[in-house]
Amino acid sequence: ALYAQALVHRDVDYLIVDGAVKLISDSRGRVAQLQRWPDGLQAA
């Protein structure tokens, strides 16, 4: 939870789209389709 709060930033590392977390590709700046963090961090 602390990692999610302090180091994972909305509109930088991910977006909220239709009520879901969508990761952003570091190298392309696009939504990384089908991508998710390891389940614990995703849930956090």
PDB file of all heavy atoms in Angstrom:
ATOM      1  N   ALA A   1       0.829  -1.209   0.000  1.00  0.00           N
ATOM      2  CA  ALA A   1       0.000   0.000   0.000  1.00  0.00           C
ATOM      3  C   ALA A   1       0.862   1.256   0.000  1.00  0.00           C
ATOM      4  O   ALA A   1       0.545   2.251  -0.669  1.00  0.00           O
ATOM      5  CB  ALA A   1      -0.927  -0.005   1.211  1.00  0.00           C
ATOM      6  N   LEU A   2       1.970   1.213   0.736  1.00  0.00           N
ATOM      7  CA  LEU A   2       2.875   2.359   0.811  1.00  0.00           C
ATOM      8  C   LEU A   2       3.554   2.606  -0.536  1.00  0.00           C
ATOM      9  O   LEU A   2       3.701   3.748  -0.981  1.00  0.00           O
ATOM     10  CB  LEU A   2       3.920   2.110   1.901  1.00  0.00           C
ATOM     11  CG  LEU A   2       4.798   3.277   2.332  1.00  0.00           C
ATOM     12  CD1 LEU A   2       3.952   4.458   2.772  1.00  0.00           C
ATOM     13  CD2 LEU A   2       5.728   2.832   3.462  1.00  0.00           C
ATOM     14  N   TYR A   3       3.982   1.525  -1.182  1.00  0.00           N
ATOM     15  CA  TYR A   3       4.586   1.647  -2.510  1.00  0.00           C
ATOM     16  C   TYR A   3       3.576   2.239  -3.497  1.00  0.00           C
ATOM     17  O   TYR A   3       3.893   3.136  -4.282  1.00  0.00           O
ATOM     18  CB  TYR A   3       5.057   0.279  -2.991  1.00  0.00           C
ATOM     19  CG  TYR A   3       5.879   0.326  -4.257  1.00  0.00           C
ATOM     20  CD1 TYR A   3       7.259   0.448  -4.203  1.00  0.00           C
ATOM     21  CD2 TYR A   3       5.289   0.252  -5.511  1.00  0.00           C
ATOM     22  CE1 TYR A   3       8.033   0.490  -5.361  1.00  0.00           C
ATOM     23  CE2 TYR A   3       6.035   0.304  -6.673  1.00  0.00           C
ATOM     24  CZ  TYR A   3       7.414   0.424  -6.587  1.00  0.00           C
ATOM     25  OH  TYR A   3       8.162   0.478  -7.736  1.00  0.00           O
ATOM     26  N   ALA A   4       2.343   1.736  -3.441  1.00  0.00           N
ATOM     27  CA  ALA A   4       1.289   2.234  -4.333  1.00  0.00           C
ATOM     28  C   ALA A   4       1.006   3.708  -4.072  1.00  0.00           C
ATOM     29  O   ALA A   4       0.758   4.481  -5.008  1.00  0.00           O
ATOM     30  CB  ALA A   4       0.018   1.406  -4.146  1.00  0.00           C
ATOM     31  N   GLN A   5       1.042   4.109  -2.806  1.00  0.00           N
ATOM     32  CA  GLN A   5       0.719   5.485  -2.443  1.00  0.00           C
ATOM     33  C   GLN A   5       1.835   6.454  -2.806  1.00  0.00           C
ATOM     34  O   GLN A   5       1.594   7.533  -3.355  1.00  0.00           O
ATOM     35  CB  GLN A   5       0.451   5.571  -0.929  1.00  0.00           C
ATOM     36  CG  GLN A   5       0.028   6.939  -0.437  1.00  0.00           C
ATOM     37  CD  GLN A   5      -1.354   7.335  -0.932  1.00  0.00           C
ATOM     38  OE1 GLN A   5      -2.233   6.490  -1.056  1.00  0.00           O
ATOM     39  NE2 GLN A   5      -1.555   8.614  -1.218  1.00  0.00           N
ATOM     40  N   ALA A   6       3.088   6.077  -2.525  1.00  0.00           N
ATOM     41  CA  ALA A   6       4.204   7.019  -2.638  1.00  0.00           C
ATOM     42  C   ALA A   6       4.924   6.983  -3.978  1.00  0.00           C
ATOM     43  O   ALA A   6       5.478   7.999  -4.406  1.00  0.00           O
ATOM     44  CB  ALA A   6       5.209   6.756  -1.508  1.00  0.00           C
ATOM     45  N   LEU A   7       4.936   5.845  -4.654  1.00  0.00           N
ATOM     46  CA  LEU A   7       5.791   5.706  -5.832  1.00  0.00           C
ATOM     47  C   LEU A   7       5.055   5.399  -7.124  1.00  0.00           C
ATOM     48  O   LEU A   7       5.659   5.396  -8.193  1.00  0.00           O
ATOM     49  CB  LEU A   7       6.841   4.612  -5.582  1.00  0.00           C
ATOM     50  CG  LEU A   7       7.826   4.882  -4.436  1.00  0.00           C
ATOM     51  CD1 LEU A   7       8.823   3.749  -4.330  1.00  0.00           C
ATOM     52  CD2 LEU A   7       8.550   6.203  -4.637  1.00  0.00           C
ATOM     53  N   VAL A   8       3.771   5.110  -7.052  1.00  0.00           N
ATOM     54  CA  VAL A   8       2.992   4.827  -8.257  1.00  0.00           C
ATOM     55  C   VAL A   8       1.987   5.954  -8.443  1.00  0.00           C
ATOM     56  O   VAL A   8       1.100   6.141  -7.606  1.00  0.00           O
ATOM     57  CB  VAL A   8       2.270   3.466  -8.158  1.00  0.00           C
ATOM     58  CG1 VAL A   8       1.558   3.151  -9.467  1.00  0.00           C
ATOM     59  CG2 VAL A   8       3.265   2.363  -7.830  1.00  0.00           C
ATOM     60  N   HIS A   9       2.136   6.713  -9.529  1.00  0.00           N
ATOM     61  CA  HIS A   9       1.390   7.963  -9.668  1.00  0.00           C
ATOM     62  C   HIS A   9       0.377   7.915 -10.808  1.00  0.00           C
ATOM     63  O   HIS A   9       0.689   7.478 -11.917  1.00  0.00           O
ATOM     64  CB  HIS A   9       2.359   9.121  -9.900  1.00  0.00           C
ATOM     65  CG  HIS A   9       3.403   9.245  -8.830  1.00  0.00           C
ATOM     66  ND1 HIS A   9       3.095   9.589  -7.529  1.00  0.00           N
ATOM     67  CD2 HIS A   9       4.751   9.055  -8.863  1.00  0.00           C
ATOM     68  CE1 HIS A   9       4.207   9.620  -6.812  1.00  0.00           C
ATOM     69  NE2 HIS A   9       5.227   9.291  -7.596  1.00  0.00           N
ATOM     70  N   ARG A  10      -0.811   8.388 -10.498  1.00  0.00           N
ATOM     71  CA  ARG A  10      -1.875   8.493 -11.505  1.00  0.00           C
ATOM     72  C   ARG A  10      -1.479   9.511 -12.571  1.00  0.00           C
ATOM     73  O   ARG A  10      -0.855  10.528 -12.278  1.00  0.00           O
ATOM     74  CB  ARG A  10      -3.172   8.921 -10.821  1.00  0.00           C
ATOM     75  CG  ARG A  10      -4.394   8.949 -11.742  1.00  0.00           C
ATOM     76  CD  ARG A  10      -5.644   9.144 -10.908  1.00  0.00           C
ATOM     77  NE  ARG A  10      -6.841   9.238 -11.719  1.00  0.00           N
ATOM     78  CZ  ARG A  10      -8.085   9.211 -11.225  1.00  0.00           C
ATOM     79  NH1 ARG A  10      -8.264   9.084  -9.922  1.00  0.00           N
ATOM     80  NH2 ARG A  10      -9.131   9.301 -12.011  1.00  0.00           N
ATOM     81  N   ASP A  11      -1.828   9.230 -13.814  1.00  0.00           N
ATOM     82  CA  ASP A  11      -1.510  10.060 -14.985  1.00  0.00           C
ATOM     83  C   ASP A  11      -0.016  10.111 -15.290  1.00  0.00           C
ATOM     84  O   ASP A  11       0.420  10.889 -16.137  1.00  0.00           O
ATOM     85  CB  ASP A  11      -2.049  11.484 -14.829  1.00  0.00           C
ATOM     86  CG  ASP A  11      -3.569  11.533 -14.920  1.00  0.00           C
ATOM     87  OD1 ASP A  11      -4.162  10.532 -15.357  1.00  0.00           O
ATOM     88  OD2 ASP A  11      -4.155  12.566 -14.546  1.00  0.00           O
ATOM     89  N   VAL A  12       0.749   9.296 -14.606  1.00  0.00           N
ATOM     90  CA  VAL A  12       2.170   9.127 -14.917  1.00  0.00           C
ATOM     91  C   VAL A  12       2.445   7.650 -15.167  1.00  0.00           C
ATOM     92  O   VAL A  12       2.895   7.252 -16.237  1.00  0.00           O
ATOM     93  CB  VAL A  12       3.080   9.642 -13.781  1.00  0.00           C
ATOM     94  CG1 VAL A  12       4.551   9.360 -14.103  1.00  0.00           C
ATOM     95  CG2 VAL A  12       2.863  11.138 -13.567  1.00  0.00           C
ATOM     96  N   ASP A  13       2.105   6.806 -14.172  1.00  0.00           N
ATOM     97  CA  ASP A  13       2.307   5.364 -14.296  1.00  0.00           C
ATOM     98  C   ASP A  13       1.043   4.638 -14.760  1.00  0.00           C
ATOM     99  O   ASP A  13       1.123   3.530 -15.276  1.00  0.00           O
ATOM    100  CB  ASP A  13       2.758   4.780 -12.952  1.00  0.00           C
ATOM    101  CG  ASP A  13       4.035   5.420 -12.454  1.00  0.00           C
ATOM    102  OD1 ASP A  13       5.047   5.317 -13.164  1.00  0.00           O
ATOM    103  OD2 ASP A  13       4.022   6.038 -11.380  1.00  0.00           O
ATOM    104  N   TYR A  14      -0.101   5.255 -14.520  1.00  0.00           N
ATOM    105  CA  TYR A  14      -1.359   4.593 -14.895  1.00  0.00           C
ATOM    106  C   TYR A  14      -2.460   5.641 -15.074  1.00  0.00           C
ATOM    107  O   TYR A  14      -2.334   6.806 -14.664  1.00  0.00           O
ATOM    108  CB  TYR A  14      -1.784   3.584 -13.821  1.00  0.00           C
ATOM    109  CG  TYR A  14      -2.128   4.213 -12.482  1.00  0.00           C
ATOM    110  CD1 TYR A  14      -3.441   4.543 -12.160  1.00  0.00           C
ATOM    111  CD2 TYR A  14      -1.139   4.482 -11.542  1.00  0.00           C
ATOM    112  CE1 TYR A  14      -3.765   5.127 -10.949  1.00  0.00           C
ATOM    113  CE2 TYR A  14      -1.445   5.064 -10.324  1.00  0.00           C
ATOM    114  CZ  TYR A  14      -2.760   5.388 -10.026  1.00  0.00           C
ATOM    115  OH  TYR A  14      -3.078   5.975  -8.820  1.00  0.00           O
ATOM    116  N   LEU A  15      -3.539   5.202 -15.717  1.00  0.00           N
ATOM    117  CA  LEU A  15      -4.748   6.005 -15.866  1.00  0.00           C
ATOM    118  C   LEU A  15      -5.908   5.263 -15.217  1.00  0.00           C
ATOM    119  O   LEU A  15      -5.839   4.052 -14.988  1.00  0.00           O
ATOM    120  CB  LEU A  15      -5.081   6.216 -17.349  1.00  0.00           C
ATOM    121  CG  LEU A  15      -4.058   6.903 -18.242  1.00  0.00           C
ATOM    122  CD1 LEU A  15      -4.527   6.840 -19.695  1.00  0.00           C
ATOM    123  CD2 LEU A  15      -3.855   8.341 -17.812  1.00  0.00           C
ATOM    124  N   ILE A  16      -6.982   5.979 -14.940  1.00  0.00           N
ATOM    125  CA  ILE A  16      -8.236   5.339 -14.564  1.00  0.00           C
ATOM    126  C   ILE A  16      -9.174   5.469 -15.757  1.00  0.00           C
ATOM    127  O   ILE A  16      -9.549   6.578 -16.155  1.00  0.00           O
ATOM    128  CB  ILE A  16      -8.871   6.000 -13.319  1.00  0.00           C
ATOM    129  CG1 ILE A  16      -7.901   5.946 -12.136  1.00  0.00           C
ATOM    130  CG2 ILE A  16     -10.179   5.298 -12.969  1.00  0.00           C
ATOM    131  CD1 ILE A  16      -7.524   4.546 -11.706  1.00  0.00           C
ATOM    132  N   VAL A  17      -9.524   4.347 -16.358  1.00  0.00           N
ATOM    133  CA  VAL A  17     -10.374   4.329 -17.551  1.00  0.00           C
ATOM    134  C   VAL A  17     -11.565   3.413 -17.286  1.00  0.00           C
ATOM    135  O   VAL A  17     -11.390   2.218 -17.010  1.00  0.00           O
ATOM    136  CB  VAL A  17      -9.600   3.834 -18.796  1.00  0.00           C
ATOM    137  CG1 VAL A  17     -10.505   3.849 -20.018  1.00  0.00           C
ATOM    138  CG2 VAL A  17      -8.360   4.681 -19.034  1.00  0.00           C
ATOM    139  N   ASP A  18     -12.764   3.983 -17.334  1.00  0.00           N
ATOM    140  CA  ASP A  18     -13.995   3.207 -17.101  1.00  0.00           C
ATOM    141  C   ASP A  18     -13.918   2.419 -15.800  1.00  0.00           C
ATOM    142  O   ASP A  18     -14.286   1.232 -15.738  1.00  0.00           O
ATOM    143  CB  ASP A  18     -14.264   2.262 -18.279  1.00  0.00           C
ATOM    144  CG  ASP A  18     -14.504   3.001 -19.581  1.00  0.00           C
ATOM    145  OD1 ASP A  18     -15.021   4.123 -19.531  1.00  0.00           O
ATOM    146  OD2 ASP A  18     -14.136   2.453 -20.646  1.00  0.00           O
ATOM    147  N   GLY A  19     -13.423   3.066 -14.760  1.00  0.00           N
ATOM    148  CA  GLY A  19     -13.384   2.438 -13.446  1.00  0.00           C
ATOM    149  C   GLY A  19     -12.328   1.375 -13.274  1.00  0.00           C
ATOM    150  O   GLY A  19     -12.411   0.556 -12.344  1.00  0.00           O
ATOM    151  N   ALA A  20     -11.333   1.349 -14.143  1.00  0.00           N
ATOM    152  CA  ALA A  20     -10.273   0.337 -14.050  1.00  0.00           C
ATOM    153  C   ALA A  20      -8.907   0.999 -14.179  1.00  0.00           C
ATOM    154  O   ALA A  20      -8.750   2.022 -14.839  1.00  0.00           O
ATOM    155  CB  ALA A  20     -10.445  -0.723 -15.135  1.00  0.00           C
ATOM    156  N   VAL A  21      -7.904   0.387 -13.533  1.00  0.00           N
ATOM    157  CA  VAL A  21      -6.532   0.870 -13.622  1.00  0.00           C
ATOM    158  C   VAL A  21      -5.919   0.381 -14.930  1.00  0.00           C
ATOM    159  O   VAL A  21      -5.928  -0.821 -15.220  1.00  0.00           O
ATOM    160  CB  VAL A  21      -5.691   0.355 -12.429  1.00  0.00           C
ATOM    161  CG1 VAL A  21      -4.217   0.666 -12.632  1.00  0.00           C
ATOM    162  CG2 VAL A  21      -6.182   0.978 -11.131  1.00  0.00           C
ATOM    163  N   LYS A  22      -5.398   1.300 -15.728  1.00  0.00           N
ATOM    164  CA  LYS A  22      -4.732   0.963 -16.987  1.00  0.00           C
ATOM    165  C   LYS A  22      -3.292   1.447 -16.922  1.00  0.00           C
ATOM    166  O   LYS A  22      -3.044   2.644 -16.766  1.00  0.00           O
ATOM    167  CB  LYS A  22      -5.444   1.615 -18.176  1.00  0.00           C
ATOM    168  CG  LYS A  22      -6.900   1.185 -18.350  1.00  0.00           C
ATOM    169  CD  LYS A  22      -7.005  -0.267 -18.777  1.00  0.00           C
ATOM    170  CE  LYS A  22      -8.452  -0.647 -19.066  1.00  0.00           C
ATOM    171  NZ  LYS A  22      -8.581  -2.076 -19.442  1.00  0.00           N
ATOM    172  N   LEU A  23      -2.345   0.523 -17.042  1.00  0.00           N
ATOM    173  CA  LEU A  23      -0.932   0.894 -16.975  1.00  0.00           C
ATOM    174  C   LEU A  23      -0.512   1.642 -18.231  1.00  0.00           C
ATOM    175  O   LEU A  23      -1.064   1.422 -19.308  1.00  0.00           O
ATOM    176  CB  LEU A  23      -0.058  -0.352 -16.815  1.00  0.00           C
ATOM    177  CG  LEU A  23       0.104  -0.907 -15.393  1.00  0.00           C
ATOM    178  CD1 LEU A  23      -1.225  -1.406 -14.841  1.00  0.00           C
ATOM    179  CD2 LEU A  23       1.121  -2.041 -15.377  1.00  0.00           C
ATOM    180  N   ILE A  24       0.482   2.529 -18.084  1.00  0.00           N
ATOM    181  CA  ILE A  24       1.030   3.272 -19.208  1.00  0.00           C
ATOM    182  C   ILE A  24       2.414   2.720 -19.523  1.00  0.00           C
ATOM    183  O   ILE A  24       3.247   2.562 -18.627  1.00  0.00           O
ATOM    184  CB  ILE A  24       1.130   4.778 -18.895  1.00  0.00           C
ATOM    185  CG1 ILE A  24      -0.263   5.354 -18.603  1.00  0.00           C
ATOM    186  CG2 ILE A  24       1.773   5.528 -20.050  1.00  0.00           C
ATOM    187  CD1 ILE A  24      -0.242   6.802 -18.160  1.00  0.00           C
ATOM    188  N   SER A  25       2.656   2.403 -20.780  1.00  0.00           N
ATOM    189  CA  SER A  25       3.956   1.888 -21.206  1.00  0.00           C
ATOM    190  C   SER A  25       5.026   2.957 -21.036  1.00  0.00           C
ATOM    191  O   SER A  25       4.890   4.073 -21.542  1.00  0.00           O
ATOM    192  CB  SER A  25       3.897   1.441 -22.669  1.00  0.00           C
ATOM    193  OG  SER A  25       5.195   1.242 -23.192  1.00  0.00           O
ATOM    194  N   ASP A  26       6.122   2.629 -20.329  1.00  0.00           N
ATOM    195  CA  ASP A  26       7.211   3.577 -20.109  1.00  0.00           C
ATOM    196  C   ASP A  26       7.839   4.025 -21.411  1.00  0.00           C
ATOM    197  O   ASP A  26       8.189   5.191 -21.578  1.00  0.00           O
ATOM    198  CB  ASP A  26       8.305   2.937 -19.239  1.00  0.00           C
ATOM    199  CG  ASP A  26       7.896   2.882 -17.782  1.00  0.00           C
ATOM    200  OD1 ASP A  26       6.988   3.639 -17.403  1.00  0.00           O
ATOM    201  OD2 ASP A  26       8.479   2.087 -17.029  1.00  0.00           O
ATOM    202  N   SER A  27       8.011   3.110 -22.355  1.00  0.00           N
ATOM    203  CA  SER A  27       8.763   3.422 -23.565  1.00  0.00           C
ATOM    204  C   SER A  27       7.901   3.982 -24.687  1.00  0.00           C
ATOM    205  O   SER A  27       8.424   4.563 -25.629  1.00  0.00           O
ATOM    206  CB  SER A  27       9.489   2.167 -24.073  1.00  0.00           C
ATOM    207  OG  SER A  27       8.562   1.151 -24.375  1.00  0.00           O
ATOM    208  N   ARG A  28       6.547   3.823 -24.585  1.00  0.00           N
ATOM    209  CA  ARG A  28       5.701   4.270 -25.695  1.00  0.00           C
ATOM    210  C   ARG A  28       4.697   5.337 -25.317  1.00  0.00           C
ATOM    211  O   ARG A  28       4.106   5.966 -26.183  1.00  0.00           O
ATOM    212  CB  ARG A  28       4.954   3.071 -26.298  1.00  0.00           C
ATOM    213  CG  ARG A  28       5.897   2.024 -26.864  1.00  0.00           C
ATOM    214  CD  ARG A  28       5.162   1.117 -27.828  1.00  0.00           C
ATOM    215  NE  ARG A  28       6.045   0.031 -28.205  1.00  0.00           N
ATOM    216  CZ  ARG A  28       5.854  -1.234 -27.869  1.00  0.00           C
ATOM    217  NH1 ARG A  28       4.819  -1.562 -27.152  1.00  0.00           N
ATOM    218  NH2 ARG A  28       6.694  -2.167 -28.253  1.00  0.00           N
ATOM    219  N   GLY A  29       4.460   5.521 -24.013  1.00  0.00           N
ATOM    220  CA  GLY A  29       3.506   6.537 -23.596  1.00  0.00           C
ATOM    221  C   GLY A  29       2.064   6.163 -23.865  1.00  0.00           C
ATOM    222  O   GLY A  29       1.166   6.991 -23.746  1.00  0.00           O
ATOM    223  N   ARG A  30       1.808   4.925 -24.241  1.00  0.00           N
ATOM    224  CA  ARG A  30       0.457   4.464 -24.551  1.00  0.00           C
ATOM    225  C   ARG A  30      -0.072   3.599 -23.419  1.00  0.00           C
ATOM    226  O   ARG A  30       0.690   3.102 -22.585  1.00  0.00           O
ATOM    227  CB  ARG A  30       0.457   3.630 -25.838  1.00  0.00           C
ATOM    228  CG  ARG A  30       0.989   4.360 -27.055  1.00  0.00           C
ATOM    229  CD  ARG A  30       1.087   3.409 -28.247  1.00  0.00           C
ATOM    230  NE  ARG A  30       1.655   4.072 -29.403  1.00  0.00           N
ATOM    231  CZ  ARG A  30       0.945   4.773 -30.276  1.00  0.00           C
ATOM    232  NH1 ARG A  30      -0.355   4.877 -30.129  1.00  0.00           N
ATOM    233  NH2 ARG A  30       1.538   5.356 -31.306  1.00  0.00           N
ATOM    234  N   VAL A  31      -1.386   3.378 -23.410  1.00  0.00           N
ATOM    235  CA  VAL A  31      -1.948   2.392 -22.498  1.00  0.00           C
ATOM    236  C   VAL A  31      -1.371   1.032 -22.854  1.00  0.00           C
ATOM    237  O   VAL A  31      -1.364   0.638 -24.020  1.00  0.00           O
ATOM    238  CB  VAL A  31      -3.489   2.365 -22.596  1.00  0.00           C
ATOM    239  CG1 VAL A  31      -4.047   1.138 -21.887  1.00  0.00           C
ATOM    240  CG2 VAL A  31      -4.086   3.632 -21.995  1.00  0.00           C
ATOM    241  N   ALA A  32      -0.832   0.352 -21.870  1.00  0.00           N
ATOM    242  CA  ALA A  32      -0.245  -0.971 -22.090  1.00  0.00           C
ATOM    243  C   ALA A  32      -1.364  -2.007 -21.989  1.00  0.00           C
ATOM    244  O   ALA A  32      -1.733  -2.440 -20.896  1.00  0.00           O
ATOM    245  CB  ALA A  32       0.846  -1.252 -21.062  1.00  0.00           C
ATOM    246  N   GLN A  33      -1.926  -2.350 -23.130  1.00  0.00           N
ATOM    247  CA  GLN A  33      -3.059  -3.268 -23.153  1.00  0.00           C
ATOM    248  C   GLN A  33      -2.691  -4.612 -22.532  1.00  0.00           C
ATOM    249  O   GLN A  33      -1.599  -5.127 -22.726  1.00  0.00           O
ATOM    250  CB  GLN A  33      -3.530  -3.483 -24.593  1.00  0.00           C
ATOM    251  CG  GLN A  33      -3.979  -2.207 -25.298  1.00  0.00           C
ATOM    252  CD  GLN A  33      -5.233  -1.605 -24.690  1.00  0.00           C
ATOM    253  OE1 GLN A  33      -5.942  -2.265 -23.944  1.00  0.00           O
ATOM    254  NE2 GLN A  33      -5.498  -0.350 -25.024  1.00  0.00           N
ATOM    255  N   LEU A  34      -3.614  -5.153 -21.760  1.00  0.00           N
ATOM    256  CA  LEU A  34      -3.465  -6.469 -21.121  1.00  0.00           C
ATOM    257  C   LEU A  34      -2.365  -6.507 -20.059  1.00  0.00           C
ATOM    258  O   LEU A  34      -2.003  -7.578 -19.599  1.00  0.00           O
ATOM    259  CB  LEU A  34      -3.182  -7.566 -22.162  1.00  0.00           C
ATOM    260  CG  LEU A  34      -4.269  -7.809 -23.198  1.00  0.00           C
ATOM    261  CD1 LEU A  34      -3.812  -8.882 -24.187  1.00  0.00           C
ATOM    262  CD2 LEU A  34      -5.568  -8.251 -22.540  1.00  0.00           C
ATOM    263  N   GLN A  35      -1.838  -5.358 -19.687  1.00  0.00           N
ATOM    264  CA  GLN A  35      -0.722  -5.374 -18.738  1.00  0.00           C
ATOM    265  C   GLN A  35      -1.220  -5.078 -17.329  1.00  0.00           C
ATOM    266  O   GLN A  35      -2.127  -4.276 -17.132  1.00  0.00           O
ATOM    267  CB  GLN A  35       0.344  -4.351 -19.141  1.00  0.00           C
ATOM    268  CG  GLN A  35       1.666  -4.555 -18.415  1.00  0.00           C
ATOM    269  CD  GLN A  35       2.820  -3.876 -19.122  1.00  0.00           C
ATOM    270  OE1 GLN A  35       2.629  -3.232 -20.133  1.00  0.00           O
ATOM    271  NE2 GLN A  35       4.002  -4.024 -18.594  1.00  0.00           N
ATOM    272  N   ARG A  36      -0.605  -5.738 -16.348  1.00  0.00           N
ATOM    273  CA  ARG A  36      -0.956  -5.497 -14.958  1.00  0.00           C
ATOM    274  C   ARG A  36       0.281  -5.724 -14.104  1.00  0.00           C
ATOM    275  O   ARG A  36       1.213  -6.419 -14.501  1.00  0.00           O
ATOM    276  CB  ARG A  36      -2.094  -6.403 -14.505  1.00  0.00           C
ATOM    277  CG  ARG A  36      -1.823  -7.882 -14.616  1.00  0.00           C
ATOM    278  CD  ARG A  36      -3.028  -8.719 -14.203  1.00  0.00           C
ATOM    279  NE  ARG A  36      -3.257  -8.689 -12.778  1.00  0.00           N
ATOM    280  CZ  ARG A  36      -4.435  -8.455 -12.204  1.00  0.00           C
ATOM    281  NH1 ARG A  36      -5.496  -8.228 -12.959  1.00  0.00           N
ATOM    282  NH2 ARG A  36      -4.579  -8.446 -10.911  1.00  0.00           N
ATOM    283  N   TRP A  37       0.277  -5.117 -12.929  1.00  0.00           N
ATOM    284  CA  TRP A  37       1.359  -5.369 -11.997  1.00  0.00           C
ATOM    285  C   TRP A  37       1.149  -6.729 -11.336  1.00  0.00           C
ATOM    286  O   TRP A  37       0.059  -7.306 -11.420  1.00  0.00           O
ATOM    287  CB  TRP A  37       1.358  -4.293 -10.910  1.00  0.00           C
ATOM    288  CG  TRP A  37       1.819  -2.946 -11.366  1.00  0.00           C
ATOM    289  CD1 TRP A  37       3.072  -2.602 -11.789  1.00  0.00           C
ATOM    290  CD2 TRP A  37       1.034  -1.749 -11.443  1.00  0.00           C
ATOM    291  NE1 TRP A  37       3.117  -1.266 -12.127  1.00  0.00           N
ATOM    292  CE2 TRP A  37       1.875  -0.715 -11.922  1.00  0.00           C
ATOM    293  CE3 TRP A  37      -0.295  -1.439 -11.149  1.00  0.00           C
ATOM    294  CZ2 TRP A  37       1.439   0.580 -12.105  1.00  0.00           C
ATOM    295  CZ3 TRP A  37      -0.730  -0.138 -11.334  1.00  0.00           C
ATOM    296  CH2 TRP A  37       0.130   0.850 -11.810  1.00  0.00           C
ATOM    297  N   PRO A  38       2.203  -7.264 -10.688  1.00  0.00           N
ATOM    298  CA  PRO A  38       1.977  -8.464  -9.878  1.00  0.00           C
ATOM    299  C   PRO A  38       0.774  -8.228  -8.973  1.00  0.00           C
ATOM    300  O   PRO A  38       0.564  -7.116  -8.472  1.00  0.00           O
ATOM    301  CB  PRO A  38       3.280  -8.580  -9.075  1.00  0.00           C
ATOM    302  CG  PRO A  38       4.310  -7.957  -9.961  1.00  0.00           C
ATOM    303  CD  PRO A  38       3.599  -6.808 -10.644  1.00  0.00           C
ATOM    304  N   ASP A  39      -0.021  -9.273  -8.765  1.00  0.00           N
ATOM    305  CA  ASP A  39      -1.366  -9.103  -8.218  1.00  0.00           C
ATOM    306  C   ASP A  39      -1.443  -8.285  -6.934  1.00  0.00           C
ATOM    307  O   ASP A  39      -2.362  -7.506  -6.743  1.00  0.00           O
ATOM    308  CB  ASP A  39      -2.006 -10.480  -7.991  1.00  0.00           C
ATOM    309  CG  ASP A  39      -2.304 -11.156  -9.319  1.00  0.00           C
ATOM    310  OD1 ASP A  39      -2.477 -10.445 -10.318  1.00  0.00           O
ATOM    311  OD2 ASP A  39      -2.341 -12.393  -9.350  1.00  0.00           O
ATOM    312  N   GLY A  40      -0.478  -8.464  -6.027  1.00  0.00           N
ATOM    313  CA  GLY A  40      -0.537  -7.712  -4.778  1.00  0.00           C
ATOM    314  C   GLY A  40      -0.482  -6.223  -4.995  1.00  0.00           C
ATOM    315  O   GLY A  40      -1.257  -5.458  -4.407  1.00  0.00           O
ATOM    316  N   LEU A  41       0.424  -5.759  -5.861  1.00  0.00           N
ATOM    317  CA  LEU A  41       0.548  -4.333  -6.137  1.00  0.00           C
ATOM    318  C   LEU A  41      -0.654  -3.828  -6.931  1.00  0.00           C
ATOM    319  O   LEU A  41      -1.145  -2.722  -6.701  1.00  0.00           O
ATOM    320  CB  LEU A  41       1.846  -4.047  -6.900  1.00  0.00           C
ATOM    321  CG  LEU A  41       2.095  -2.579  -7.262  1.00  0.00           C
ATOM    322  CD1 LEU A  41       2.104  -1.701  -6.021  1.00  0.00           C
ATOM    323  CD2 LEU A  41       3.415  -2.435  -8.022  1.00  0.00           C
ATOM    324  N   GLN A  42      -1.137  -4.640  -7.863  1.00  0.00           N
ATOM    325  CA  GLN A  42      -2.324  -4.257  -8.632  1.00  0.00           C
ATOM    326  C   GLN A  42      -3.489  -3.980  -7.678  1.00  0.00           C
ATOM    327  O   GLN A  42      -4.176  -2.963  -7.791  1.00  0.00           O
ATOM    328  CB  GLN A  42      -2.698  -5.374  -9.604  1.00  0.00           C
ATOM    329  CG  GLN A  42      -3.863  -5.056 -10.520  1.00  0.00           C
ATOM    330  CD  GLN A  42      -3.473  -4.231 -11.729  1.00  0.00           C
ATOM    331  OE1 GLN A  42      -2.297  -4.167 -12.067  1.00  0.00           O
ATOM    332  NE2 GLN A  42      -4.442  -3.605 -12.363  1.00  0.00           N
ATOM    333  N   ALA A  43      -3.699  -4.886  -6.735  1.00  0.00           N
ATOM    334  CA  ALA A  43      -4.796  -4.726  -5.779  1.00  0.00           C
ATOM    335  C   ALA A  43      -4.577  -3.505  -4.893  1.00  0.00           C
ATOM    336  O   ALA A  43      -5.528  -2.796  -4.548  1.00  0.00           O
ATOM    337  CB  ALA A  43      -4.929  -5.984  -4.924  1.00  0.00           C
ATOM    338  N   ALA A  44      -3.320  -3.232  -4.519  1.00  0.00           N
ATOM    339  CA  ALA A  44      -3.027  -2.086  -3.662  1.00  0.00           C
ATOM    340  C   ALA A  44      -3.329  -0.765  -4.373  1.00  0.00           C
ATOM    341  O   ALA A  44      -3.861   0.169  -3.762  1.00  0.00           O
ATOM    342  CB  ALA A  44      -1.560  -2.127  -3.223  1.00  0.00           C
TER     343      ALA A  44
END
